[in-house]
Amino acid sequence: MKTVKISLNSIDRVKSFVNTVSQFESDFDLISGRYVIDAKSIMGIFSLDLSQPIDLTIHADDDDKIMSAIEQYLA
């Protein structure tokens, strides 16, 4: 398990991010304050405050491939 900060400050970035993480079998959680949202849920992401960086928790043992795929979203 690994936690990183990501920035999803536009609709296009949100759609692209969801498409990217949906390619993996692993679970991804977005944490903003007291809210924990499934990162593969586009509707859930839009319920968060996207003006600030959000914590992404990756529930995977081999996260090197995942980290290279989400590199453009890192805050």
N, C-alpha and C. Protein backbone atom coordinates (compact mmCIF):
# COMPACT_ATOMS: atom_id res chain seq x y z
N MET A 1 0.85 -1.17 0.00
CA MET A 1 0.00 0.00 0.00
C MET A 1 0.89 1.24 0.00
N LYS A 2 0.50 2.21 -0.82
CA LYS A 2 1.28 3.44 -0.95
C LYS A 2 0.30 4.60 -1.10
N THR A 3 0.65 5.76 -0.53
CA THR A 3 -0.18 6.96 -0.64
C THR A 3 0.63 8.09 -1.27
N VAL A 4 0.04 8.72 -2.29
CA VAL A 4 0.67 9.86 -2.98
C VAL A 4 -0.38 10.96 -3.13
N LYS A 5 0.09 12.18 -3.38
CA LYS A 5 -0.82 13.30 -3.64
C LYS A 5 -0.95 13.48 -5.14
N ILE A 6 -2.20 13.65 -5.60
CA ILE A 6 -2.44 13.87 -7.02
C ILE A 6 -3.28 15.14 -7.20
N SER A 7 -3.24 15.67 -8.41
CA SER A 7 -4.00 16.86 -8.74
C SER A 7 -4.93 16.54 -9.91
N LEU A 8 -6.22 16.72 -9.70
CA LEU A 8 -7.24 16.49 -10.73
C LEU A 8 -8.05 17.77 -10.88
N ASN A 9 -7.44 18.80 -11.47
CA ASN A 9 -8.05 20.12 -11.47
C ASN A 9 -8.85 20.46 -12.73
N SER A 10 -9.15 19.45 -13.56
CA SER A 10 -10.01 19.69 -14.72
C SER A 10 -10.81 18.43 -15.04
N ILE A 11 -11.90 18.62 -15.76
CA ILE A 11 -12.76 17.49 -16.13
C ILE A 11 -11.99 16.48 -16.98
N ASP A 12 -11.19 16.98 -17.92
CA ASP A 12 -10.42 16.07 -18.78
C ASP A 12 -9.42 15.25 -17.99
N ARG A 13 -8.78 15.87 -16.99
CA ARG A 13 -7.83 15.13 -16.15
C ARG A 13 -8.54 14.05 -15.34
N VAL A 14 -9.73 14.35 -14.85
CA VAL A 14 -10.49 13.36 -14.08
C VAL A 14 -10.83 12.17 -14.97
N LYS A 15 -11.36 12.43 -16.17
CA LYS A 15 -11.72 11.34 -17.08
C LYS A 15 -10.50 10.50 -17.46
N SER A 16 -9.41 11.17 -17.76
CA SER A 16 -8.18 10.46 -18.12
C SER A 16 -7.65 9.63 -16.95
N PHE A 17 -7.71 10.20 -15.74
CA PHE A 17 -7.24 9.49 -14.55
C PHE A 17 -8.06 8.23 -14.30
N VAL A 18 -9.39 8.34 -14.39
CA VAL A 18 -10.27 7.19 -14.17
C VAL A 18 -9.98 6.11 -15.20
N ASN A 19 -9.78 6.49 -16.46
CA ASN A 19 -9.44 5.51 -17.49
C ASN A 19 -8.11 4.83 -17.19
N THR A 20 -7.15 5.58 -16.68
CA THR A 20 -5.83 5.02 -16.37
C THR A 20 -5.90 4.02 -15.23
N VAL A 21 -6.51 4.40 -14.10
CA VAL A 21 -6.55 3.48 -12.95
C VAL A 21 -7.48 2.30 -13.18
N SER A 22 -8.45 2.45 -14.07
CA SER A 22 -9.37 1.34 -14.35
C SER A 22 -8.69 0.20 -15.11
N GLN A 23 -7.53 0.46 -15.67
CA GLN A 23 -6.79 -0.59 -16.38
C GLN A 23 -6.16 -1.59 -15.42
N PHE A 24 -6.08 -1.25 -14.16
CA PHE A 24 -5.43 -2.11 -13.17
C PHE A 24 -6.46 -2.83 -12.30
N GLU A 25 -6.12 -4.03 -11.87
CA GLU A 25 -6.99 -4.83 -11.00
C GLU A 25 -7.00 -4.31 -9.57
N SER A 26 -5.96 -3.60 -9.17
CA SER A 26 -5.80 -3.13 -7.79
C SER A 26 -6.90 -2.14 -7.40
N ASP A 27 -7.06 -1.97 -6.08
CA ASP A 27 -8.00 -0.99 -5.56
C ASP A 27 -7.28 0.34 -5.35
N PHE A 28 -8.00 1.43 -5.61
CA PHE A 28 -7.47 2.77 -5.44
C PHE A 28 -8.50 3.58 -4.66
N ASP A 29 -8.06 4.30 -3.63
CA ASP A 29 -8.94 5.15 -2.85
C ASP A 29 -8.45 6.59 -2.93
N LEU A 30 -9.38 7.53 -3.08
CA LEU A 30 -9.07 8.95 -3.00
C LEU A 30 -9.57 9.44 -1.65
N ILE A 31 -8.70 10.15 -0.93
CA ILE A 31 -9.04 10.61 0.41
C ILE A 31 -8.95 12.13 0.44
N SER A 32 -10.07 12.74 0.78
CA SER A 32 -10.14 14.20 0.89
C SER A 32 -10.87 14.52 2.18
N GLY A 33 -10.12 14.96 3.18
CA GLY A 33 -10.72 15.20 4.50
C GLY A 33 -11.22 13.92 5.11
N ARG A 34 -12.51 13.87 5.40
CA ARG A 34 -13.07 12.66 6.00
C ARG A 34 -13.72 11.74 4.97
N TYR A 35 -13.63 12.11 3.70
CA TYR A 35 -14.25 11.33 2.64
C TYR A 35 -13.25 10.38 1.99
N VAL A 36 -13.67 9.15 1.79
CA VAL A 36 -12.88 8.15 1.07
C VAL A 36 -13.72 7.68 -0.11
N ILE A 37 -13.19 7.86 -1.32
CA ILE A 37 -13.93 7.59 -2.55
C ILE A 37 -13.15 6.56 -3.37
N ASP A 38 -13.85 5.66 -4.02
CA ASP A 38 -13.23 4.73 -4.97
C ASP A 38 -12.71 5.55 -6.15
N ALA A 39 -11.41 5.46 -6.43
CA ALA A 39 -10.80 6.27 -7.48
C ALA A 39 -11.24 5.86 -8.89
N LYS A 40 -11.92 4.74 -9.01
CA LYS A 40 -12.42 4.31 -10.31
C LYS A 40 -13.84 4.83 -10.56
N SER A 41 -14.38 5.59 -9.62
CA SER A 41 -15.73 6.12 -9.72
C SER A 41 -15.68 7.60 -10.12
N ILE A 42 -16.02 7.86 -11.36
CA ILE A 42 -15.96 9.25 -11.85
C ILE A 42 -16.96 10.13 -11.11
N MET A 43 -18.13 9.61 -10.79
CA MET A 43 -19.13 10.39 -10.04
C MET A 43 -18.64 10.68 -8.62
N GLY A 44 -17.99 9.71 -8.01
CA GLY A 44 -17.45 9.91 -6.67
C GLY A 44 -16.38 10.98 -6.66
N ILE A 45 -15.52 10.99 -7.66
CA ILE A 45 -14.44 11.98 -7.73
C ILE A 45 -15.02 13.39 -7.84
N PHE A 46 -16.07 13.55 -8.64
CA PHE A 46 -16.66 14.87 -8.79
C PHE A 46 -17.36 15.36 -7.52
N SER A 47 -17.55 14.49 -6.53
CA SER A 47 -18.14 14.93 -5.27
C SER A 47 -17.09 15.53 -4.34
N LEU A 48 -15.81 15.43 -4.71
CA LEU A 48 -14.72 15.95 -3.89
C LEU A 48 -14.36 17.38 -4.28
N ASP A 49 -13.63 18.06 -3.42
CA ASP A 49 -13.09 19.39 -3.71
C ASP A 49 -11.83 19.19 -4.54
N LEU A 50 -11.93 19.45 -5.84
CA LEU A 50 -10.82 19.19 -6.76
C LEU A 50 -9.87 20.38 -6.90
N SER A 51 -10.11 21.44 -6.15
CA SER A 51 -9.23 22.61 -6.24
C SER A 51 -7.92 22.38 -5.48
N GLN A 52 -7.91 21.39 -4.61
CA GLN A 52 -6.72 21.06 -3.81
C GLN A 52 -6.21 19.67 -4.19
N PRO A 53 -4.90 19.41 -3.99
CA PRO A 53 -4.40 18.04 -4.21
C PRO A 53 -5.12 17.04 -3.29
N ILE A 54 -5.27 15.83 -3.79
CA ILE A 54 -6.01 14.77 -3.09
C ILE A 54 -5.06 13.61 -2.84
N ASP A 55 -5.23 12.93 -1.70
CA ASP A 55 -4.43 11.74 -1.40
C ASP A 55 -4.98 10.55 -2.16
N LEU A 56 -4.10 9.85 -2.87
CA LEU A 56 -4.46 8.61 -3.55
C LEU A 56 -3.76 7.47 -2.84
N THR A 57 -4.53 6.51 -2.35
CA THR A 57 -3.97 5.31 -1.73
C THR A 57 -4.08 4.17 -2.72
N ILE A 58 -2.93 3.55 -3.00
CA ILE A 58 -2.86 2.44 -3.95
C ILE A 58 -2.73 1.15 -3.14
N HIS A 59 -3.67 0.25 -3.31
CA HIS A 59 -3.66 -1.02 -2.59
C HIS A 59 -3.10 -2.09 -3.53
N ALA A 60 -1.77 -2.08 -3.69
CA ALA A 60 -1.11 -3.05 -4.58
C ALA A 60 0.28 -3.34 -4.05
N ASP A 61 0.75 -4.55 -4.31
CA ASP A 61 2.11 -4.91 -3.91
C ASP A 61 3.13 -4.40 -4.91
N ASP A 62 2.84 -4.54 -6.19
CA ASP A 62 3.75 -4.11 -7.24
C ASP A 62 3.24 -2.78 -7.80
N ASP A 63 3.73 -1.68 -7.23
CA ASP A 63 3.18 -0.39 -7.64
C ASP A 63 4.07 0.38 -8.61
N ASP A 64 5.18 -0.18 -9.08
CA ASP A 64 6.06 0.52 -10.02
C ASP A 64 5.35 0.81 -11.34
N LYS A 65 4.65 -0.16 -11.87
CA LYS A 65 3.92 0.02 -13.13
C LYS A 65 2.80 1.04 -12.96
N ILE A 66 2.13 0.98 -11.82
CA ILE A 66 1.05 1.92 -11.53
C ILE A 66 1.60 3.34 -11.39
N MET A 67 2.71 3.49 -10.68
CA MET A 67 3.30 4.82 -10.47
C MET A 67 3.71 5.46 -11.79
N SER A 68 4.25 4.67 -12.72
CA SER A 68 4.62 5.24 -14.01
C SER A 68 3.38 5.63 -14.81
N ALA A 69 2.28 4.91 -14.64
CA ALA A 69 1.04 5.22 -15.37
C ALA A 69 0.38 6.49 -14.84
N ILE A 70 0.50 6.76 -13.52
CA ILE A 70 -0.17 7.93 -12.95
C ILE A 70 0.79 9.09 -12.73
N GLU A 71 1.98 9.00 -13.24
CA GLU A 71 3.02 10.01 -13.02
C GLU A 71 2.54 11.43 -13.38
N GLN A 72 1.78 11.57 -14.44
CA GLN A 72 1.33 12.90 -14.88
C GLN A 72 0.33 13.55 -13.94
N TYR A 73 -0.26 12.77 -13.04
CA TYR A 73 -1.26 13.31 -12.11
C TYR A 73 -0.68 13.67 -10.75
N LEU A 74 0.57 13.32 -10.51
CA LEU A 74 1.18 13.58 -9.21
C LEU A 74 1.29 15.07 -8.94
N ALA A 75 0.97 15.46 -7.72
CA ALA A 75 1.00 16.89 -7.36
C ALA A 75 2.39 17.29 -6.88
